[in-house]
């Protein structure tokens, strides 16, 4: 039986709109394609540190 998963974009939009993740906010809500901003560090960056 295959696992059904939600697609990334709708999930991310739900998370932004729910305000459950601190630092993840809309920059320009009218432009939803390029209007999100994240203060969450990326693993591929040299400044990323595992707590």
N, C-alpha and C. Protein backbone atom coordinates (compact mmCIF):
# COMPACT_ATOMS: atom_id res chain seq x y z
N UNK A 1 0.84 -1.17 0.00
CA UNK A 1 0.00 0.00 0.00
C UNK A 1 0.90 1.25 0.00
N UNK A 2 0.80 2.10 -1.03
CA UNK A 2 1.67 3.28 -1.11
C UNK A 2 1.31 4.34 -0.06
N UNK A 3 2.33 5.05 0.36
CA UNK A 3 2.13 6.14 1.32
C UNK A 3 1.76 7.40 0.54
N UNK A 4 0.69 8.05 0.95
CA UNK A 4 0.32 9.31 0.31
C UNK A 4 0.90 10.45 1.12
N UNK A 5 1.57 11.34 0.44
CA UNK A 5 2.21 12.47 1.10
C UNK A 5 1.71 13.77 0.48
N UNK A 6 1.71 14.78 1.29
CA UNK A 6 1.33 16.10 0.82
C UNK A 6 2.50 16.68 0.03
N UNK A 7 2.21 17.39 -1.03
CA UNK A 7 3.26 18.03 -1.81
C UNK A 7 3.90 19.15 -0.99
N UNK A 8 5.16 19.44 -1.29
CA UNK A 8 5.95 20.38 -0.49
C UNK A 8 5.36 21.79 -0.45
N UNK A 9 4.99 22.33 -1.61
CA UNK A 9 4.52 23.72 -1.64
C UNK A 9 3.25 23.93 -0.82
N UNK A 10 2.19 23.12 -1.00
CA UNK A 10 1.00 23.32 -0.17
C UNK A 10 1.30 23.15 1.32
N UNK A 11 2.18 22.20 1.66
CA UNK A 11 2.54 22.00 3.06
C UNK A 11 3.25 23.23 3.61
N UNK A 12 4.20 23.77 2.83
CA UNK A 12 4.95 24.94 3.27
C UNK A 12 4.03 26.15 3.43
N UNK A 13 3.12 26.36 2.49
CA UNK A 13 2.17 27.47 2.60
C UNK A 13 1.30 27.32 3.84
N UNK A 14 0.89 26.09 4.16
CA UNK A 14 0.11 25.86 5.37
C UNK A 14 0.91 26.21 6.62
N UNK A 15 2.20 25.84 6.63
CA UNK A 15 3.05 26.13 7.78
C UNK A 15 3.25 27.63 7.96
N UNK A 16 3.46 28.35 6.85
CA UNK A 16 3.65 29.80 6.91
C UNK A 16 2.38 30.46 7.44
N UNK A 17 1.24 30.05 6.91
CA UNK A 17 -0.03 30.66 7.31
C UNK A 17 -0.42 30.33 8.75
N UNK A 18 0.05 29.21 9.28
CA UNK A 18 -0.32 28.82 10.64
C UNK A 18 0.53 29.50 11.71
N UNK A 19 1.65 30.11 11.31
CA UNK A 19 2.56 30.80 12.25
C UNK A 19 3.10 29.87 13.34
N UNK A 20 3.26 28.59 13.05
CA UNK A 20 3.78 27.64 14.04
C UNK A 20 5.30 27.56 14.04
N UNK A 21 5.95 28.00 12.96
CA UNK A 21 7.40 27.93 12.87
C UNK A 21 7.95 29.35 13.01
N UNK A 22 8.64 29.65 14.13
CA UNK A 22 9.18 31.00 14.31
C UNK A 22 10.21 31.33 13.23
N UNK A 23 10.13 32.54 12.69
CA UNK A 23 11.08 32.98 11.67
C UNK A 23 10.64 32.69 10.26
N UNK A 24 9.58 31.95 10.06
CA UNK A 24 9.09 31.64 8.72
C UNK A 24 7.88 32.52 8.46
N UNK A 25 8.07 33.56 7.64
CA UNK A 25 7.02 34.55 7.41
C UNK A 25 6.93 34.89 5.93
N UNK A 26 5.81 35.48 5.53
CA UNK A 26 5.64 35.98 4.18
C UNK A 26 6.35 37.32 4.06
N UNK A 27 7.09 37.53 2.98
CA UNK A 27 7.67 38.84 2.69
C UNK A 27 6.61 39.67 1.98
N UNK A 28 6.04 39.11 0.93
CA UNK A 28 5.01 39.78 0.15
C UNK A 28 3.94 38.74 -0.14
N UNK A 29 2.87 38.77 0.61
CA UNK A 29 1.84 37.74 0.50
C UNK A 29 1.18 37.73 -0.88
N UNK A 30 1.16 38.87 -1.57
CA UNK A 30 0.55 38.93 -2.91
C UNK A 30 1.36 38.11 -3.91
N UNK A 31 2.66 38.06 -3.73
CA UNK A 31 3.53 37.30 -4.63
C UNK A 31 3.93 36.01 -3.93
N UNK A 32 3.08 35.00 -3.99
CA UNK A 32 3.32 33.78 -3.22
C UNK A 32 4.42 32.90 -3.82
N UNK A 33 4.83 33.13 -5.06
CA UNK A 33 5.89 32.31 -5.62
C UNK A 33 7.26 32.66 -5.03
N UNK A 34 7.53 33.94 -4.85
CA UNK A 34 8.84 34.36 -4.36
C UNK A 34 8.73 35.12 -3.04
N UNK A 35 7.58 35.06 -2.38
CA UNK A 35 7.35 35.92 -1.23
C UNK A 35 7.56 35.32 0.13
N UNK A 36 8.32 34.24 0.27
CA UNK A 36 8.52 33.67 1.61
C UNK A 36 9.96 33.89 2.07
N UNK A 37 10.11 33.98 3.38
CA UNK A 37 11.44 34.18 3.94
C UNK A 37 11.59 33.25 5.13
N UNK A 38 12.76 32.70 5.26
CA UNK A 38 13.02 31.79 6.36
C UNK A 38 14.28 32.22 7.09
N UNK A 39 14.23 32.24 8.41
CA UNK A 39 15.39 32.53 9.24
C UNK A 39 16.02 31.21 9.70
N UNK A 40 15.53 30.10 9.20
CA UNK A 40 16.00 28.78 9.59
C UNK A 40 17.31 28.49 8.84
N UNK A 41 18.38 28.09 9.54
CA UNK A 41 19.66 27.84 8.86
C UNK A 41 19.58 26.64 7.92
N UNK A 42 20.34 26.69 6.85
CA UNK A 42 20.36 25.60 5.87
C UNK A 42 21.54 24.68 6.16
N UNK A 43 21.32 23.40 6.00
CA UNK A 43 22.37 22.42 6.32
C UNK A 43 23.57 22.53 5.40
N UNK A 44 23.39 23.00 4.19
CA UNK A 44 24.49 23.08 3.24
C UNK A 44 25.41 24.26 3.46
N UNK A 45 25.07 25.14 4.36
CA UNK A 45 25.88 26.32 4.62
C UNK A 45 26.95 26.03 5.67
N UNK A 46 28.10 26.66 5.57
CA UNK A 46 29.16 26.42 6.56
C UNK A 46 28.80 26.90 7.96
N UNK A 47 27.81 27.80 8.08
CA UNK A 47 27.43 28.31 9.40
C UNK A 47 26.46 27.40 10.13
N UNK A 48 26.03 26.31 9.50
CA UNK A 48 25.08 25.40 10.12
C UNK A 48 25.77 24.60 11.22
N UNK A 49 25.16 24.56 12.39
CA UNK A 49 25.72 23.80 13.51
C UNK A 49 24.61 22.95 14.13
N UNK A 50 24.89 21.68 14.33
CA UNK A 50 23.92 20.79 14.95
C UNK A 50 23.94 21.04 16.45
N UNK A 51 22.77 21.35 17.05
CA UNK A 51 22.75 21.61 18.50
C UNK A 51 23.03 20.38 19.32
